Amino acid sequence: MHLRAHEKATVALRGTLTDLMLVLNRRLDPTSSRVEVLGDAALLDFWLDRSSFG
């Protein structure tokens, strides 16, 4: 049995579920005081620029 080790993410976004969804749907800027970006903010921006939801 092979167990995977838990690794720290390169970037994470912290906030309420509503605020996280607003960021993912481009209705709230990730620099808002309502959310917290942990790690590589440039990677989050890169991902947001290249993804879309509905």
C-alpha atoms as a PDB file:
ATOM      1  CA  MET A   1       0.000   0.000   0.000  1.00  0.00           C
ATOM      2  CA  HIS A   2       1.416   3.344  -1.067  1.00  0.00           C
ATOM      3  CA  LEU A   3       0.429   6.399   0.960  1.00  0.00           C
ATOM      4  CA  ARG A   4       0.810   9.823  -0.556  1.00  0.00           C
ATOM      5  CA  ALA A   5       2.360  12.524   1.555  1.00  0.00           C
ATOM      6  CA  HIS A   6       0.430  15.743   2.100  1.00  0.00           C
ATOM      7  CA  GLU A   7       2.190  18.644   0.449  1.00  0.00           C
ATOM      8  CA  LYS A   8       1.625  22.359   0.816  1.00  0.00           C
ATOM      9  CA  ALA A   9      -0.160  23.984  -2.128  1.00  0.00           C
ATOM     10  CA  THR A  10       1.605  26.544  -4.282  1.00  0.00           C
ATOM     11  CA  VAL A  11      -1.345  28.890  -3.863  1.00  0.00           C
ATOM     12  CA  ALA A  12      -4.512  28.817  -1.772  1.00  0.00           C
ATOM     13  CA  LEU A  13      -7.487  31.112  -1.430  1.00  0.00           C
ATOM     14  CA  ARG A  14      -9.169  31.526   1.949  1.00  0.00           C
ATOM     15  CA  GLY A  15     -12.584  33.024   2.617  1.00  0.00           C
ATOM     16  CA  THR A  16     -16.243  32.170   2.915  1.00  0.00           C
ATOM     17  CA  LEU A  17     -17.662  29.794   0.328  1.00  0.00           C
ATOM     18  CA  THR A  18     -19.687  32.636  -1.162  1.00  0.00           C
ATOM     19  CA  ASP A  19     -16.624  34.887  -1.505  1.00  0.00           C
ATOM     20  CA  LEU A  20     -14.515  32.070  -2.986  1.00  0.00           C
ATOM     21  CA  MET A  21     -17.195  31.427  -5.597  1.00  0.00           C
ATOM     22  CA  LEU A  22     -17.386  35.154  -6.343  1.00  0.00           C
ATOM     23  CA  VAL A  23     -13.620  35.206  -6.993  1.00  0.00           C
ATOM     24  CA  LEU A  24     -13.829  32.128  -9.237  1.00  0.00           C
ATOM     25  CA  ASN A  25     -16.671  33.747 -11.195  1.00  0.00           C
ATOM     26  CA  ARG A  26     -14.807  37.089 -11.476  1.00  0.00           C
ATOM     27  CA  ARG A  27     -17.378  38.944  -9.352  1.00  0.00           C
ATOM     28  CA  LEU A  28     -14.887  39.648  -6.535  1.00  0.00           C
ATOM     29  CA  ASP A  29     -11.258  40.593  -7.006  1.00  0.00           C
ATOM     30  CA  PRO A  30      -8.776  38.257  -5.288  1.00  0.00           C
ATOM     31  CA  THR A  31      -7.150  41.339  -3.755  1.00  0.00           C
ATOM     32  CA  SER A  32     -10.358  42.072  -1.837  1.00  0.00           C
ATOM     33  CA  SER A  33     -10.091  42.188   1.950  1.00  0.00           C
ATOM     34  CA  ARG A  34     -12.894  39.589   2.012  1.00  0.00           C
ATOM     35  CA  VAL A  35     -10.511  36.832   0.836  1.00  0.00           C
ATOM     36  CA  GLU A  36      -6.906  35.936   1.561  1.00  0.00           C
ATOM     37  CA  VAL A  37      -4.425  34.642  -1.017  1.00  0.00           C
ATOM     38  CA  LEU A  38      -1.771  32.398   0.492  1.00  0.00           C
ATOM     39  CA  GLY A  39       1.310  31.653  -1.568  1.00  0.00           C
ATOM     40  CA  ASP A  40       1.905  32.510  -5.213  1.00  0.00           C
ATOM     41  CA  ALA A  41      -0.715  35.160  -6.126  1.00  0.00           C
ATOM     42  CA  ALA A  42       0.649  35.315  -9.675  1.00  0.00           C
ATOM     43  CA  LEU A  43      -0.244  31.641 -10.135  1.00  0.00           C
ATOM     44  CA  LEU A  44      -3.800  32.330  -8.967  1.00  0.00           C
ATOM     45  CA  ASP A  45      -4.054  35.194 -11.477  1.00  0.00           C
ATOM     46  CA  PHE A  46      -2.669  32.921 -14.215  1.00  0.00           C
ATOM     47  CA  TRP A  47      -5.253  30.238 -13.388  1.00  0.00           C
ATOM     48  CA  LEU A  48      -8.152  32.714 -13.190  1.00  0.00           C
ATOM     49  CA  ASP A  49      -7.179  34.222 -16.565  1.00  0.00           C
ATOM     50  CA  ARG A  50      -7.336  30.795 -18.211  1.00  0.00           C
ATOM     51  CA  SER A  51     -10.383  29.224 -16.581  1.00  0.00           C
ATOM     52  CA  SER A  52     -14.075  29.828 -16.847  1.00  0.00           C
ATOM     53  CA  PHE A  53     -17.146  28.638 -15.000  1.00  0.00           C
ATOM     54  CA  GLY A  54     -20.457  28.560 -16.846  1.00  0.00           C
END
